[in-house]
Amino acid sequence: MLTWVVAGLLGLGLGAAGSRVAAGEPLDSIVAVVNNDVVVQSELTHEISVTVPQLQQQGTPVPPPEQLRKQVLERLILKRLQQQRARQLGIKVDDAALTTAIQGIASRNGLTIEELKATLESGQVRFEDFREDTRMQIITARLQSQEVMSGIQVTDQEIARFLEKEKGKLMPREQVRLQHILIALPDQPSPPQVEAAQTKAKQLVAKLRGGADFAAVAAASSEGRTALEGGDLGWFEMAAVPSLVADRAQTMAKGDITDPIRTPTGFNIIRMADIKGGLPGNVTQSKARHILVRTSEMVSDADAKTRLGQLRSRIVGGDDFANLARAHSDDTGSALKGGELGWVSPGDTVPEFEKVMGALAIGEVSEPFKSAFGWHLMQVQERRTQDTTEELLRIKAREAIQRRKGDEATDAWLKRLRDEAYVEVRQDGARVKP
């Protein structure tokens, strides 16, 4: 997982590439002018070097070199335009927020900050480059949230229609059962062989989507090892789903059939035969509040723990938790509400927080404890058992609709950003000192 986190962040082509430009060769060619800024060859080369292995691991054919160069350069241009827009709007990420984000990345990968540093450096990635790439990713997310997502509305009617048609896609899945058809290619296929195999695969997909039995078609036409078993690949834990369909397996509904997927062995057709999993029914929720003290260069772990210990003594002695949270908590969102977090379900918070919350009696104030976000005091005010199935489905439906609308709106926004900018792509490249 961490490999993908690092690769995704370095895929920004910003911090890490920039550091190499400054410390690299005395001359670097300009490949694009973007308003009053430039993209240079070393950035483009780096971005391509990150993109190619990602495509290969996903089982996606790598485009021809010139097409790949064009697509990657366009992505860099769009990223540069977003950087410029963020600067115009004054969108920044301070060091405290950045540290919290990196602590979250480390925690999700089961690492400490020091272990994360060591892992990055073993892969020849400087930690400072990683920090700045993370900062840029957060800035871009905030920019798109402000410019695009804030204007997206989802109505109750849209949620109802979505649930009627696509409820099955929202169910969390633990295992999936897959069927497979392979239209094989030789080791070094000629263009006519590729075209013929692709045509056959497309014809089979049309036949299957028209109602043909997948097992019968697989037995008659597949050149895969499970053809005689009707293409049945069996059950897979989600983490073990074959890479060529890993992403699709998260969202395919039961009975869905993919378009032909090209791999070195040929064209693959995958059917989602069955899904195991589902939304939880009754869950125990806790109504909690907390006080957070973040660590920094000025506030050590010992300082944070001592401060919270003093606040705990005051609360146990009769001081009001809400008033102390408003005055002392670094979690500004909840501090304004007296530290209130509302009703919290299992999985809503980081493991350290959830463990302490589950162990507290109603009204009890925890000892100071540490999570990826800093040091906390917590109090559980109430507990209840709630059937959250319908509520979770509606939340997931709303999020799915927002993502779809957001993708469309983001594409339109990026096109407008591109159309309104001065962009000059240079094929040969002028020479410039970095």
Protein backbone atom coordinates (compact mmCIF):
# COMPACT_ATOMS: atom_id res chain seq x y z
CA MET A 1 0.00 0.00 0.00
CA LEU A 2 2.75 2.40 0.92
CA THR A 3 4.34 1.86 -2.48
CA TRP A 4 1.22 3.22 -4.10
CA VAL A 5 1.01 6.14 -1.68
CA VAL A 6 4.56 7.16 -2.51
CA ALA A 7 4.15 6.60 -6.22
CA GLY A 8 0.92 8.59 -6.27
CA LEU A 9 2.45 11.52 -4.47
CA LEU A 10 5.58 11.54 -6.58
CA GLY A 11 3.31 11.35 -9.59
CA LEU A 12 2.55 15.02 -8.92
CA GLY A 13 5.92 15.73 -10.53
CA LEU A 14 6.29 18.85 -8.40
CA GLY A 15 8.39 18.80 -5.24
CA ALA A 16 10.71 15.93 -6.09
CA ALA A 17 11.16 16.99 -9.68
CA GLY A 18 11.71 20.59 -8.66
CA SER A 19 14.49 19.64 -6.28
CA ARG A 20 16.28 17.77 -9.04
CA VAL A 21 15.99 20.73 -11.37
CA ALA A 22 17.63 22.98 -8.82
CA ALA A 23 20.41 20.54 -8.05
CA GLY A 24 20.78 18.89 -11.44
CA GLU A 25 22.34 19.80 -14.75
CA PRO A 26 23.31 23.42 -15.50
CA LEU A 27 20.83 23.59 -18.40
CA ASP A 28 17.32 22.17 -18.72
CA SER A 29 15.10 22.51 -21.77
CA ILE A 30 11.65 24.10 -21.58
CA VAL A 31 8.92 21.80 -22.88
CA ALA A 32 5.96 24.09 -22.11
CA VAL A 33 5.27 27.68 -21.08
CA VAL A 34 2.26 27.94 -18.76
CA ASN A 35 1.27 31.60 -18.21
CA ASN A 36 4.31 33.04 -16.41
CA ASP A 37 5.76 29.64 -15.49
CA VAL A 38 7.44 26.77 -17.34
CA VAL A 39 7.56 22.97 -17.38
CA VAL A 40 11.06 21.63 -18.02
CA GLN A 41 12.30 18.40 -19.51
CA SER A 42 13.54 16.92 -16.23
CA GLU A 43 10.03 17.20 -14.75
CA LEU A 44 8.52 15.53 -17.80
CA THR A 45 11.12 12.75 -17.74
CA HIS A 46 10.45 12.12 -14.05
CA GLU A 47 6.68 12.06 -14.52
CA ILE A 48 7.01 9.53 -17.36
CA SER A 49 9.33 7.36 -15.25
CA VAL A 50 6.65 7.20 -12.53
CA THR A 51 3.71 6.71 -14.90
CA VAL A 52 5.09 3.74 -16.88
CA PRO A 53 5.47 1.30 -13.94
CA GLN A 54 2.05 2.33 -12.61
CA LEU A 55 0.44 1.45 -15.95
CA GLN A 56 2.33 -1.85 -16.07
CA GLN A 57 1.24 -2.83 -12.55
CA GLN A 58 -2.38 -2.02 -13.44
CA GLY A 59 -2.18 -4.20 -16.56
CA THR A 60 -2.79 -1.14 -18.77
CA PRO A 61 -0.92 -1.11 -22.09
CA VAL A 62 1.71 1.63 -22.21
CA PRO A 63 0.96 4.04 -25.10
CA PRO A 64 3.58 4.64 -27.81
CA PRO A 65 6.35 6.99 -26.58
CA GLU A 66 5.15 10.12 -28.38
CA GLN A 67 1.55 9.65 -27.27
CA LEU A 68 2.68 8.94 -23.71
CA ARG A 69 4.84 12.08 -23.73
CA LYS A 70 1.92 14.19 -24.95
CA GLN A 71 -0.51 12.84 -22.36
CA VAL A 72 1.92 13.19 -19.46
CA LEU A 73 2.90 16.71 -20.49
CA GLU A 74 -0.76 17.74 -20.61
CA ARG A 75 -1.20 16.39 -17.09
CA LEU A 76 1.78 18.45 -15.91
CA ILE A 77 0.36 21.56 -17.57
CA LEU A 78 -2.97 21.09 -15.78
CA LYS A 79 -1.19 20.61 -12.46
CA ARG A 80 0.83 23.77 -13.00
CA LEU A 81 -2.35 25.72 -13.78
CA GLN A 82 -3.91 24.47 -10.55
CA GLN A 83 -0.83 25.53 -8.60
CA GLN A 84 -1.12 29.00 -10.06
CA ARG A 85 -4.84 29.23 -9.29
CA ALA A 86 -4.24 28.11 -5.70
CA ARG A 87 -1.65 30.87 -5.25
CA GLN A 88 -4.10 33.44 -6.63
CA LEU A 89 -6.71 32.35 -4.07
CA GLY A 90 -4.21 32.24 -1.22
CA ILE A 91 -4.73 28.52 -0.57
CA LYS A 92 -1.91 27.23 1.62
CA VAL A 93 -1.14 24.29 3.89
CA ASP A 94 0.73 25.18 7.05
CA ASP A 95 3.36 22.92 8.57
CA ALA A 96 1.07 21.74 11.39
CA ALA A 97 -1.62 20.53 8.96
CA LEU A 98 1.05 18.94 6.77
CA THR A 99 2.56 17.09 9.72
CA THR A 100 -0.89 15.80 10.69
CA ALA A 101 -1.49 14.55 7.14
CA ILE A 102 1.86 12.74 7.03
CA GLN A 103 1.22 11.21 10.45
CA GLY A 104 -2.06 9.93 9.03
CA ILE A 105 -0.28 8.38 6.02
CA ALA A 106 2.23 6.68 8.31
CA SER A 107 -0.51 5.43 10.66
CA ARG A 108 -2.62 3.98 7.83
CA ASN A 109 0.42 2.02 6.68
CA GLY A 110 1.20 0.79 10.19
CA LEU A 111 4.37 2.88 10.47
CA THR A 112 5.83 5.55 12.69
CA ILE A 113 7.13 8.75 11.11
CA GLU A 114 10.70 7.47 11.46
CA GLU A 115 9.78 4.18 9.79
CA LEU A 116 8.06 6.08 6.99
CA LYS A 117 11.22 8.15 6.46
CA ALA A 118 13.35 5.02 6.34
CA THR A 119 10.98 3.34 3.87
CA LEU A 120 11.01 6.35 1.57
CA GLU A 121 14.78 6.74 1.70
CA SER A 122 15.27 3.04 0.95
CA GLY A 123 13.37 3.75 -2.26
CA GLN A 124 15.60 6.74 -3.07
CA VAL A 125 12.90 9.26 -2.14
CA ARG A 126 13.95 12.22 0.00
CA PHE A 127 11.57 12.84 2.90
CA GLU A 128 11.52 16.60 2.23
CA ASP A 129 10.45 15.91 -1.36
CA PHE A 130 7.70 13.65 -0.03
CA ARG A 131 6.55 16.40 2.37
CA GLU A 132 6.30 19.00 -0.37
CA ASP A 133 4.54 16.62 -2.75
CA THR A 134 2.04 15.86 0.03
CA ARG A 135 1.55 19.59 0.65
CA MET A 136 0.84 20.13 -3.06
CA GLN A 137 -1.66 17.28 -3.16
CA ILE A 138 -3.56 18.76 -0.21
CA ILE A 139 -3.53 22.22 -1.81
CA THR A 140 -4.93 20.78 -5.05
CA ALA A 141 -7.68 18.95 -3.14
CA ARG A 142 -8.61 22.15 -1.27
CA LEU A 143 -8.60 24.13 -4.52
CA GLN A 144 -10.95 21.70 -6.26
CA SER A 145 -13.17 21.57 -3.18
CA GLN A 146 -13.46 25.37 -3.17
CA GLU A 147 -13.75 25.89 -6.93
CA VAL A 148 -15.81 22.83 -7.91
CA MET A 149 -17.20 20.63 -5.14
CA SER A 150 -18.73 23.43 -3.07
CA GLY A 151 -21.23 24.09 -5.86
CA ILE A 152 -22.44 20.50 -6.21
CA GLN A 153 -25.88 19.72 -4.79
CA VAL A 154 -27.45 16.27 -4.36
CA THR A 155 -31.22 16.02 -3.89
CA ASP A 156 -33.21 13.38 -2.02
CA GLN A 157 -34.81 12.39 -5.33
CA GLU A 158 -31.39 11.71 -6.87
CA ILE A 159 -30.44 9.55 -3.90
CA ALA A 160 -33.67 7.56 -4.17
CA ARG A 161 -33.17 6.95 -7.92
CA PHE A 162 -29.55 5.94 -7.36
CA LEU A 163 -30.47 3.44 -4.63
CA GLU A 164 -33.20 1.95 -6.81
CA LYS A 165 -30.76 1.23 -9.65
CA GLU A 166 -27.34 0.79 -8.06
CA LYS A 167 -27.81 -0.22 -4.43
CA GLY A 168 -25.74 -3.38 -4.96
CA LYS A 169 -22.65 -1.38 -5.87
CA LEU A 170 -22.64 0.32 -2.47
CA MET A 171 -22.33 -2.84 -0.40
CA PRO A 172 -18.88 -3.23 1.17
CA ARG A 173 -17.42 -6.45 -0.16
CA GLU A 174 -15.21 -8.97 1.59
CA GLN A 175 -14.94 -11.56 -1.19
CA VAL A 176 -15.84 -11.74 -4.86
CA ARG A 177 -16.29 -14.68 -7.22
CA LEU A 178 -15.02 -14.09 -10.75
CA GLN A 179 -15.40 -15.76 -14.13
CA HIS A 180 -12.85 -15.33 -16.90
CA ILE A 181 -12.55 -15.67 -20.66
CA LEU A 182 -9.18 -15.29 -22.40
CA ILE A 183 -8.68 -14.65 -26.11
CA ALA A 184 -4.99 -15.43 -26.28
CA LEU A 185 -2.24 -13.71 -28.25
CA PRO A 186 1.17 -15.14 -29.24
CA ASP A 187 4.32 -13.80 -27.57
CA GLN A 188 5.00 -11.27 -30.31
CA PRO A 189 1.67 -10.72 -32.06
CA SER A 190 1.38 -8.94 -35.37
CA PRO A 191 -1.06 -6.03 -35.70
CA PRO A 192 -3.56 -8.19 -37.63
CA GLN A 193 -3.44 -10.83 -34.87
CA VAL A 194 -4.10 -8.19 -32.22
CA GLU A 195 -6.97 -6.72 -34.23
CA ALA A 196 -8.55 -10.13 -34.82
CA ALA A 197 -8.32 -11.09 -31.13
CA GLN A 198 -9.76 -7.75 -30.02
CA THR A 199 -12.64 -8.06 -32.50
CA LYS A 200 -13.45 -11.56 -31.26
CA ALA A 201 -13.35 -10.39 -27.62
CA LYS A 202 -15.71 -7.49 -28.35
CA GLN A 203 -18.12 -9.83 -30.14
CA LEU A 204 -18.13 -12.17 -27.13
CA VAL A 205 -18.81 -9.27 -24.74
CA ALA A 206 -21.77 -8.18 -26.87
CA LYS A 207 -23.07 -11.76 -26.90
CA LEU A 208 -22.71 -12.10 -23.12
CA ARG A 209 -24.38 -8.78 -22.41
CA GLY A 210 -27.16 -9.90 -24.72
CA GLY A 211 -27.96 -12.75 -22.35
CA ALA A 212 -25.67 -15.63 -23.36
CA ASP A 213 -24.56 -17.95 -20.57
CA PHE A 214 -21.03 -17.00 -19.51
CA ALA A 215 -20.00 -20.54 -18.54
CA ALA A 216 -21.10 -21.93 -21.90
CA VAL A 217 -19.31 -19.19 -23.84
CA ALA A 218 -16.17 -19.67 -21.75
CA ALA A 219 -16.15 -23.42 -22.33
CA ALA A 220 -16.58 -22.92 -26.09
CA SER A 221 -14.33 -19.90 -26.70
CA SER A 222 -11.90 -19.24 -23.84
CA GLU A 223 -8.24 -20.19 -24.07
CA GLY A 224 -7.76 -19.67 -20.33
CA ARG A 225 -6.84 -22.45 -17.90
CA THR A 226 -10.37 -22.55 -16.39
CA ALA A 227 -12.27 -22.71 -19.70
CA LEU A 228 -13.67 -26.19 -18.99
CA GLU A 229 -14.92 -25.00 -15.61
CA GLY A 230 -16.94 -22.29 -17.33
CA GLY A 231 -14.19 -19.75 -16.68
CA ASP A 232 -14.79 -19.96 -12.92
CA LEU A 233 -11.81 -18.48 -11.06
CA GLY A 234 -13.39 -19.06 -7.64
CA TRP A 235 -13.63 -16.76 -4.63
CA PHE A 236 -11.06 -14.05 -3.89
CA GLU A 237 -10.46 -11.99 -0.78
CA MET A 238 -10.52 -8.36 -1.95
CA ALA A 239 -6.78 -7.97 -1.32
CA ALA A 240 -6.07 -10.99 -3.55
CA VAL A 241 -8.16 -10.02 -6.60
CA PRO A 242 -6.01 -10.23 -9.77
CA SER A 243 -4.44 -6.88 -10.58
CA LEU A 244 -6.03 -6.57 -14.03
CA VAL A 245 -9.46 -6.25 -12.42
CA ALA A 246 -8.64 -5.14 -8.84
CA ASP A 247 -10.03 -1.61 -9.21
CA ARG A 248 -13.13 -2.69 -11.13
CA ALA A 249 -13.90 -5.40 -8.55
CA GLN A 250 -14.58 -2.68 -5.97
CA THR A 251 -17.57 -1.30 -7.87
CA MET A 252 -18.86 -3.95 -10.32
CA ALA A 253 -22.35 -5.18 -9.52
CA LYS A 254 -23.20 -8.87 -9.51
CA GLY A 255 -23.53 -10.00 -13.13
CA ASP A 256 -21.49 -7.11 -14.59
CA ILE A 257 -19.12 -7.97 -17.46
CA THR A 258 -16.04 -5.93 -18.30
CA ASP A 259 -15.00 -4.67 -21.69
CA PRO A 260 -12.01 -6.63 -23.08
CA ILE A 261 -8.89 -5.96 -21.00
CA ARG A 262 -5.57 -6.19 -22.86
CA THR A 263 -2.65 -7.88 -21.09
CA PRO A 264 0.53 -9.50 -22.48
CA THR A 265 -1.32 -12.85 -22.69
CA GLY A 266 -4.26 -11.54 -24.69
CA PHE A 267 -7.71 -9.98 -24.22
CA ASN A 268 -9.50 -10.82 -20.98
CA ILE A 269 -13.21 -10.68 -20.16
CA ILE A 270 -14.22 -10.77 -16.49
CA ARG A 271 -17.68 -11.35 -15.02
CA MET A 272 -18.63 -10.53 -11.43
CA ALA A 273 -20.30 -13.84 -10.58
CA ASP A 274 -21.05 -13.21 -6.92
CA ILE A 275 -20.24 -10.94 -3.95
CA LYS A 276 -19.93 -11.65 -0.23
CA GLY A 277 -20.18 -8.85 2.27
CA GLY A 278 -22.72 -6.23 3.17
CA LEU A 279 -23.46 -3.31 5.37
CA PRO A 280 -23.55 -3.77 9.15
CA GLY A 281 -26.96 -3.92 10.79
CA ASN A 282 -27.07 -2.94 14.44
CA VAL A 283 -23.96 -1.11 15.63
CA THR A 284 -23.06 0.49 18.94
CA GLN A 285 -22.48 4.22 18.57
CA SER A 286 -20.86 6.50 21.12
CA LYS A 287 -21.59 10.18 21.61
CA ALA A 288 -18.16 11.59 22.50
CA ARG A 289 -16.25 14.81 22.94
CA HIS A 290 -12.53 15.48 23.13
CA ILE A 291 -9.76 18.00 23.65
CA LEU A 292 -6.81 17.80 21.26
CA VAL A 293 -3.28 19.14 21.75
CA ARG A 294 -1.07 18.83 18.68
CA THR A 295 2.68 18.39 19.01
CA SER A 296 5.12 20.62 17.14
CA GLU A 297 8.63 21.98 17.41
CA MET A 298 7.35 24.10 20.29
CA VAL A 299 5.14 21.45 21.96
CA SER A 300 6.72 18.07 22.75
CA ASP A 301 4.87 14.85 23.55
CA ALA A 302 5.69 15.39 27.23
CA ASP A 303 4.35 18.96 27.13
CA ALA A 304 1.10 17.87 25.46
CA LYS A 305 0.58 15.02 27.90
CA THR A 306 1.24 17.29 30.90
CA ARG A 307 -1.17 19.98 29.66
CA LEU A 308 -3.94 17.44 29.15
CA GLY A 309 -3.24 15.87 32.52
CA GLN A 310 -3.79 19.25 34.14
CA LEU A 311 -7.01 19.78 32.20
CA ARG A 312 -8.23 16.33 33.22
CA SER A 313 -7.67 17.18 36.89
CA ARG A 314 -9.72 20.34 36.46
CA ILE A 315 -12.58 18.44 34.78
CA VAL A 316 -12.60 15.73 37.46
CA GLY A 317 -12.58 18.57 40.01
CA GLY A 318 -15.74 20.06 38.52
CA ASP A 319 -14.67 22.38 35.68
CA ASP A 320 -16.83 22.26 32.56
CA PHE A 321 -15.42 20.04 29.78
CA ALA A 322 -17.02 22.12 27.02
CA ASN A 323 -15.55 25.41 28.25
CA LEU A 324 -12.06 23.90 28.53
CA ALA A 325 -12.38 22.39 25.04
CA ARG A 326 -13.31 25.80 23.58
CA ALA A 327 -10.30 27.40 25.27
CA HIS A 328 -7.64 24.73 24.82
CA SER A 329 -8.43 22.27 22.00
CA ASP A 330 -6.40 22.45 18.78
CA ASP A 331 -9.26 20.76 16.89
CA THR A 332 -10.91 24.01 15.88
CA GLY A 333 -13.92 22.31 14.27
CA SER A 334 -15.02 20.51 17.42
CA ALA A 335 -13.66 23.13 19.85
CA LEU A 336 -16.32 25.60 18.76
CA LYS A 337 -18.90 22.99 19.81
CA GLY A 338 -17.30 22.31 23.17
CA GLY A 339 -15.32 19.37 21.81
CA GLU A 340 -18.46 17.59 20.59
CA LEU A 341 -17.90 14.90 17.93
CA GLY A 342 -21.51 13.77 17.73
CA TRP A 343 -22.47 10.11 17.34
CA VAL A 344 -19.46 8.04 16.30
CA SER A 345 -19.78 4.59 14.69
CA PRO A 346 -17.10 1.86 14.57
CA GLY A 347 -14.57 2.68 11.88
CA ASP A 348 -15.27 6.43 11.90
CA THR A 349 -12.08 7.25 13.82
CA VAL A 350 -8.45 6.10 13.97
CA PRO A 351 -7.83 2.82 15.88
CA GLU A 352 -6.18 4.49 18.91
CA PHE A 353 -9.20 6.76 19.40
CA GLU A 354 -11.71 3.97 18.91
CA LYS A 355 -9.93 1.68 21.40
CA VAL A 356 -10.03 4.28 24.18
CA MET A 357 -13.61 5.26 23.35
CA GLY A 358 -14.78 1.65 23.60
CA ALA A 359 -13.17 1.18 27.01
CA LEU A 360 -14.62 4.29 28.67
CA ALA A 361 -17.67 4.19 30.91
CA ILE A 362 -20.41 6.78 30.34
CA GLY A 363 -19.24 10.10 31.79
CA GLU A 364 -15.67 8.90 32.42
CA VAL A 365 -12.80 11.16 31.30
CA SER A 366 -9.88 9.31 29.73
CA GLU A 367 -6.25 9.65 30.66
CA PRO A 368 -4.26 11.59 28.03
CA PHE A 369 -3.59 9.34 25.01
CA LYS A 370 -1.86 9.73 21.68
CA SER A 371 -3.07 9.21 18.10
CA ALA A 372 -1.73 10.22 14.70
CA PHE A 373 -3.31 13.66 15.21
CA GLY A 374 -1.77 14.48 18.59
CA TRP A 375 -2.73 13.98 22.25
CA HIS A 376 -6.35 13.71 23.42
CA LEU A 377 -8.64 13.77 26.39
CA MET A 378 -11.98 12.09 25.70
CA GLN A 379 -15.31 11.70 27.40
CA VAL A 380 -18.14 9.41 26.27
CA GLN A 381 -21.48 11.06 27.06
CA GLU A 382 -23.96 8.45 25.76
CA ARG A 383 -24.15 5.13 23.90
CA ARG A 384 -26.86 3.64 21.75
CA THR A 385 -27.47 0.65 19.50
CA GLN A 386 -28.58 1.74 16.08
CA ASP A 387 -29.54 0.01 12.82
CA THR A 388 -27.44 2.08 10.47
CA THR A 389 -28.01 0.14 7.22
CA GLU A 390 -30.34 2.60 5.52
CA GLU A 391 -28.47 5.61 6.87
CA LEU A 392 -25.15 4.25 5.56
CA LEU A 393 -26.68 3.43 2.19
CA ARG A 394 -27.96 6.98 1.84
CA ILE A 395 -24.59 8.41 2.87
CA LYS A 396 -22.77 6.18 0.39
CA ALA A 397 -25.29 7.02 -2.36
CA ARG A 398 -24.81 10.73 -1.73
CA GLU A 399 -21.02 10.33 -1.86
CA ALA A 400 -21.22 8.31 -5.10
CA ILE A 401 -23.44 10.92 -6.77
CA GLN A 402 -21.15 13.71 -5.57
CA ARG A 403 -18.14 11.88 -7.02
CA ARG A 404 -19.83 11.44 -10.38
CA LYS A 405 -20.97 15.05 -10.54
CA GLY A 406 -17.60 16.13 -9.19
CA ASP A 407 -15.69 14.27 -11.88
CA GLU A 408 -17.78 15.88 -14.62
CA ALA A 409 -17.57 19.34 -13.05
CA THR A 410 -13.82 19.00 -12.46
CA ASP A 411 -13.23 18.05 -16.10
CA ALA A 412 -15.22 21.11 -17.23
CA TRP A 413 -13.39 23.35 -14.74
CA LEU A 414 -9.96 22.10 -15.86
CA LYS A 415 -10.92 22.65 -19.51
CA ARG A 416 -11.96 26.21 -18.70
CA LEU A 417 -8.74 26.77 -16.75
CA ARG A 418 -6.77 25.46 -19.74
CA ASP A 419 -8.73 27.48 -22.32
CA GLU A 420 -8.26 30.74 -20.39
CA ALA A 421 -4.50 30.26 -19.91
CA TYR A 422 -1.55 31.05 -22.13
CA VAL A 423 0.05 27.69 -22.91
CA GLU A 424 2.84 27.18 -25.42
CA VAL A 425 4.06 23.61 -25.97
CA ARG A 426 7.59 23.45 -27.35
CA GLN A 427 8.52 20.42 -29.38
CA ASP A 428 12.26 21.02 -29.60
CA GLY A 429 12.67 23.00 -26.41
CA ALA A 430 14.47 26.24 -25.76
CA ARG A 431 17.41 26.19 -23.36
CA VAL A 432 17.18 27.92 -20.03
CA LYS A 433 19.18 28.07 -16.83
CA PRO A 434 17.22 26.62 -13.91
